[in-house]
Amino acid sequence: MTKAGARILVVDDEKEILRALQRNLSAHGYEIFTAKSGEEALEEIANHRPDLMLLDLGLPGLSRPRRVQEGAGGVQSAHHCALSQGYRAR
């Protein structure tokens, strides 16, 4: 697959992260869709059939990230990339 026209779904509840990834990936020729929740992600998967999904594993309200990944199971040749951010106690 070439990157021209590749569809990427970015799932994160942080507006700044969504905006930054959308801006950067769009600048490289990718078609970007975003979702702020697991439920929105399932809708976007059904509507746009992304080639790649970037999923924040720490998404609030997403008790089972597997559900979103399974929702992408109908996408042929689906690739998944899980994003996670660690926090240090101060």
N, C-alpha and C. Protein backbone atom coordinates (compact mmCIF):
# COMPACT_ATOMS: atom_id res chain seq x y z
N MET A 1 0.84 -1.17 0.00
CA MET A 1 0.00 0.00 0.00
C MET A 1 0.89 1.24 0.00
N THR A 2 0.56 2.19 -0.82
CA THR A 2 1.27 3.46 -0.80
C THR A 2 0.59 4.38 0.20
N LYS A 3 1.32 5.38 0.67
CA LYS A 3 0.71 6.26 1.66
C LYS A 3 -0.33 7.19 1.06
N ALA A 4 -0.25 7.45 -0.24
CA ALA A 4 -1.24 8.32 -0.88
C ALA A 4 -2.61 7.69 -0.74
N GLY A 5 -3.49 8.39 -0.05
CA GLY A 5 -4.84 7.89 0.10
C GLY A 5 -5.04 6.93 1.26
N ALA A 6 -3.97 6.56 1.96
CA ALA A 6 -4.12 5.65 3.10
C ALA A 6 -4.95 6.36 4.18
N ARG A 7 -5.86 5.61 4.77
CA ARG A 7 -6.76 6.16 5.78
C ARG A 7 -6.28 5.76 7.18
N ILE A 8 -6.12 6.76 8.05
CA ILE A 8 -5.66 6.51 9.41
C ILE A 8 -6.70 7.05 10.39
N LEU A 9 -7.08 6.22 11.35
CA LEU A 9 -7.98 6.63 12.42
C LEU A 9 -7.15 6.85 13.67
N VAL A 10 -7.23 8.06 14.23
CA VAL A 10 -6.53 8.40 15.47
C VAL A 10 -7.57 8.51 16.57
N VAL A 11 -7.40 7.72 17.64
CA VAL A 11 -8.36 7.70 18.74
C VAL A 11 -7.67 8.17 20.01
N ASP A 12 -8.08 9.33 20.50
CA ASP A 12 -7.50 9.90 21.72
C ASP A 12 -8.47 10.92 22.28
N ASP A 13 -8.53 11.04 23.59
CA ASP A 13 -9.44 12.00 24.20
C ASP A 13 -8.80 13.38 24.38
N GLU A 14 -7.51 13.51 24.09
CA GLU A 14 -6.83 14.79 24.22
C GLU A 14 -6.81 15.53 22.89
N LYS A 15 -7.49 16.68 22.88
CA LYS A 15 -7.66 17.47 21.67
C LYS A 15 -6.32 17.83 21.02
N GLU A 16 -5.33 18.18 21.85
CA GLU A 16 -4.02 18.59 21.33
C GLU A 16 -3.32 17.44 20.60
N ILE A 17 -3.44 16.25 21.14
CA ILE A 17 -2.82 15.08 20.50
C ILE A 17 -3.51 14.80 19.17
N LEU A 18 -4.85 14.82 19.17
CA LEU A 18 -5.59 14.60 17.92
C LEU A 18 -5.18 15.62 16.86
N ARG A 19 -5.14 16.89 17.27
CA ARG A 19 -4.81 17.97 16.34
C ARG A 19 -3.39 17.81 15.79
N ALA A 20 -2.43 17.52 16.67
CA ALA A 20 -1.04 17.38 16.24
C ALA A 20 -0.85 16.21 15.28
N LEU A 21 -1.43 15.07 15.62
CA LEU A 21 -1.30 13.91 14.74
C LEU A 21 -2.02 14.14 13.41
N GLN A 22 -3.20 14.76 13.47
CA GLN A 22 -3.93 15.03 12.24
C GLN A 22 -3.13 15.96 11.33
N ARG A 23 -2.60 17.02 11.90
CA ARG A 23 -1.83 17.99 11.12
C ARG A 23 -0.59 17.34 10.50
N ASN A 24 0.17 16.62 11.32
CA ASN A 24 1.42 16.03 10.83
C ASN A 24 1.19 14.91 9.81
N LEU A 25 0.25 14.04 10.08
CA LEU A 25 0.00 12.94 9.15
C LEU A 25 -0.64 13.44 7.85
N SER A 26 -1.52 14.42 7.95
CA SER A 26 -2.13 15.00 6.74
C SER A 26 -1.06 15.64 5.86
N ALA A 27 -0.10 16.29 6.48
CA ALA A 27 0.98 16.94 5.73
C ALA A 27 1.80 15.93 4.92
N HIS A 28 1.74 14.67 5.34
CA HIS A 28 2.48 13.62 4.62
C HIS A 28 1.59 12.85 3.66
N GLY A 29 0.39 13.35 3.42
CA GLY A 29 -0.47 12.76 2.40
C GLY A 29 -1.46 11.72 2.87
N TYR A 30 -1.59 11.53 4.16
CA TYR A 30 -2.54 10.55 4.66
C TYR A 30 -3.92 11.18 4.87
N GLU A 31 -4.96 10.37 4.74
CA GLU A 31 -6.32 10.81 5.02
C GLU A 31 -6.60 10.45 6.48
N ILE A 32 -6.90 11.45 7.30
CA ILE A 32 -7.01 11.24 8.74
C ILE A 32 -8.45 11.40 9.22
N PHE A 33 -8.85 10.49 10.08
CA PHE A 33 -10.14 10.55 10.76
C PHE A 33 -9.82 10.49 12.25
N THR A 34 -10.62 11.16 13.06
CA THR A 34 -10.35 11.17 14.50
C THR A 34 -11.58 10.75 15.28
N ALA A 35 -11.32 10.25 16.48
CA ALA A 35 -12.39 9.89 17.41
C ALA A 35 -11.90 10.20 18.82
N LYS A 36 -12.82 10.70 19.65
CA LYS A 36 -12.47 11.07 21.02
C LYS A 36 -12.90 10.02 22.05
N SER A 37 -13.52 8.95 21.57
CA SER A 37 -13.97 7.90 22.49
C SER A 37 -13.99 6.56 21.75
N GLY A 38 -14.13 5.50 22.53
CA GLY A 38 -14.23 4.18 21.92
C GLY A 38 -15.45 4.04 21.05
N GLU A 39 -16.56 4.62 21.50
CA GLU A 39 -17.80 4.55 20.72
C GLU A 39 -17.65 5.28 19.38
N GLU A 40 -17.04 6.47 19.42
CA GLU A 40 -16.79 7.21 18.17
C GLU A 40 -15.87 6.41 17.27
N ALA A 41 -14.89 5.75 17.86
CA ALA A 41 -13.95 4.94 17.06
C ALA A 41 -14.68 3.85 16.31
N LEU A 42 -15.61 3.18 16.98
CA LEU A 42 -16.38 2.11 16.32
C LEU A 42 -17.19 2.67 15.15
N GLU A 43 -17.75 3.87 15.31
CA GLU A 43 -18.50 4.50 14.22
C GLU A 43 -17.57 4.85 13.06
N GLU A 44 -16.41 5.42 13.37
CA GLU A 44 -15.46 5.79 12.32
C GLU A 44 -14.94 4.56 11.58
N ILE A 45 -14.73 3.48 12.30
CA ILE A 45 -14.28 2.24 11.66
C ILE A 45 -15.33 1.77 10.66
N ALA A 46 -16.59 1.80 11.08
CA ALA A 46 -17.68 1.35 10.20
C ALA A 46 -17.84 2.28 8.99
N ASN A 47 -17.68 3.59 9.21
CA ASN A 47 -17.90 4.56 8.14
C ASN A 47 -16.73 4.69 7.17
N HIS A 48 -15.50 4.57 7.67
CA HIS A 48 -14.34 4.90 6.82
C HIS A 48 -13.39 3.74 6.57
N ARG A 49 -13.55 2.63 7.26
CA ARG A 49 -12.70 1.45 7.08
C ARG A 49 -11.21 1.85 6.97
N PRO A 50 -10.63 2.32 8.07
CA PRO A 50 -9.24 2.79 8.04
C PRO A 50 -8.25 1.67 7.77
N ASP A 51 -7.10 2.08 7.21
CA ASP A 51 -6.01 1.14 6.97
C ASP A 51 -5.15 0.97 8.22
N LEU A 52 -5.17 1.98 9.08
CA LEU A 52 -4.37 1.98 10.31
C LEU A 52 -5.15 2.70 11.40
N MET A 53 -5.07 2.18 12.63
CA MET A 53 -5.71 2.83 13.75
C MET A 53 -4.67 3.07 14.84
N LEU A 54 -4.56 4.32 15.30
CA LEU A 54 -3.71 4.68 16.42
C LEU A 54 -4.62 4.86 17.61
N LEU A 55 -4.50 4.00 18.62
CA LEU A 55 -5.44 3.95 19.73
C LEU A 55 -4.75 4.24 21.05
N ASP A 56 -5.25 5.22 21.78
CA ASP A 56 -4.77 5.53 23.12
C ASP A 56 -5.32 4.48 24.08
N LEU A 57 -4.45 3.67 24.65
CA LEU A 57 -4.91 2.61 25.56
C LEU A 57 -5.41 3.15 26.89
N GLY A 58 -5.05 4.40 27.21
CA GLY A 58 -5.50 5.00 28.45
C GLY A 58 -6.76 5.82 28.29
N LEU A 59 -7.50 5.59 27.25
CA LEU A 59 -8.71 6.35 26.95
C LEU A 59 -9.75 6.16 28.04
N PRO A 60 -10.20 7.25 28.71
CA PRO A 60 -11.23 7.11 29.74
C PRO A 60 -12.51 6.50 29.16
N GLY A 61 -13.12 5.63 29.94
CA GLY A 61 -14.36 5.02 29.50
C GLY A 61 -14.16 3.84 28.57
N LEU A 62 -12.92 3.56 28.24
CA LEU A 62 -12.64 2.42 27.36
C LEU A 62 -12.10 1.30 28.23
N SER A 63 -13.00 0.63 28.92
CA SER A 63 -12.58 -0.41 29.85
C SER A 63 -12.00 -1.62 29.13
N ARG A 64 -12.39 -1.76 27.88
CA ARG A 64 -11.85 -2.89 27.11
C ARG A 64 -11.41 -2.41 25.74
N PRO A 65 -10.13 -1.96 25.62
CA PRO A 65 -9.63 -1.53 24.31
C PRO A 65 -9.79 -2.62 23.27
N ARG A 66 -9.86 -3.86 23.71
CA ARG A 66 -10.02 -4.99 22.80
C ARG A 66 -11.31 -4.84 21.98
N ARG A 67 -12.34 -4.27 22.58
CA ARG A 67 -13.62 -4.09 21.87
C ARG A 67 -13.44 -3.23 20.63
N VAL A 68 -12.66 -2.16 20.74
CA VAL A 68 -12.41 -1.31 19.59
C VAL A 68 -11.57 -2.06 18.56
N GLN A 69 -10.56 -2.77 19.04
CA GLN A 69 -9.73 -3.54 18.13
C GLN A 69 -10.55 -4.61 17.42
N GLU A 70 -11.45 -5.25 18.15
CA GLU A 70 -12.31 -6.26 17.53
C GLU A 70 -13.26 -5.62 16.52
N GLY A 71 -13.69 -4.38 16.80
CA GLY A 71 -14.56 -3.67 15.87
C GLY A 71 -13.86 -3.42 14.55
N ALA A 72 -12.54 -3.35 14.59
CA ALA A 72 -11.77 -3.15 13.37
C ALA A 72 -11.51 -4.47 12.65
N GLY A 73 -11.94 -5.57 13.26
CA GLY A 73 -11.69 -6.89 12.68
C GLY A 73 -12.28 -7.06 11.30
N GLY A 74 -13.34 -6.32 10.99
CA GLY A 74 -13.93 -6.42 9.66
C GLY A 74 -13.17 -5.66 8.61
N VAL A 75 -12.18 -4.88 9.03
CA VAL A 75 -11.37 -4.12 8.08
C VAL A 75 -10.30 -5.04 7.54
N GLN A 76 -10.33 -5.24 6.25
CA GLN A 76 -9.36 -6.14 5.64
C GLN A 76 -7.97 -5.56 5.78
N SER A 77 -7.02 -6.40 6.15
CA SER A 77 -5.63 -6.01 6.33
C SER A 77 -5.48 -4.87 7.34
N ALA A 78 -6.29 -4.89 8.38
CA ALA A 78 -6.21 -3.84 9.40
C ALA A 78 -4.90 -3.93 10.17
N HIS A 79 -4.34 -2.77 10.45
CA HIS A 79 -3.14 -2.68 11.27
C HIS A 79 -3.51 -1.84 12.48
N HIS A 80 -3.00 -2.21 13.63
CA HIS A 80 -3.32 -1.49 14.85
C HIS A 80 -2.02 -1.04 15.51
N CYS A 81 -2.04 0.14 16.06
CA CYS A 81 -0.91 0.66 16.81
C CYS A 81 -1.47 1.27 18.08
N ALA A 82 -1.06 0.79 19.22
CA ALA A 82 -1.59 1.30 20.48
C ALA A 82 -0.66 2.37 21.02
N LEU A 83 -1.23 3.51 21.40
CA LEU A 83 -0.46 4.59 22.00
C LEU A 83 -0.73 4.60 23.50
N SER A 84 0.30 4.76 24.26
CA SER A 84 0.14 4.83 25.70
C SER A 84 1.11 5.85 26.24
N GLN A 85 0.66 6.60 27.22
CA GLN A 85 1.51 7.62 27.82
C GLN A 85 1.67 7.28 29.29
N GLY A 86 2.91 7.26 29.73
CA GLY A 86 3.19 6.96 31.13
C GLY A 86 3.31 8.23 31.94
N TYR A 87 2.99 8.16 33.19
CA TYR A 87 3.09 9.28 34.10
C TYR A 87 3.98 8.90 35.27
N ARG A 88 4.79 9.83 35.70
CA ARG A 88 5.64 9.61 36.86
C ARG A 88 5.07 10.35 38.06
N ALA A 89 5.13 9.71 39.19
CA ALA A 89 4.72 10.39 40.43
C ALA A 89 5.81 11.41 40.78
N ARG A 90 5.39 12.58 41.21
CA ARG A 90 6.38 13.61 41.57
C ARG A 90 6.54 13.69 43.06
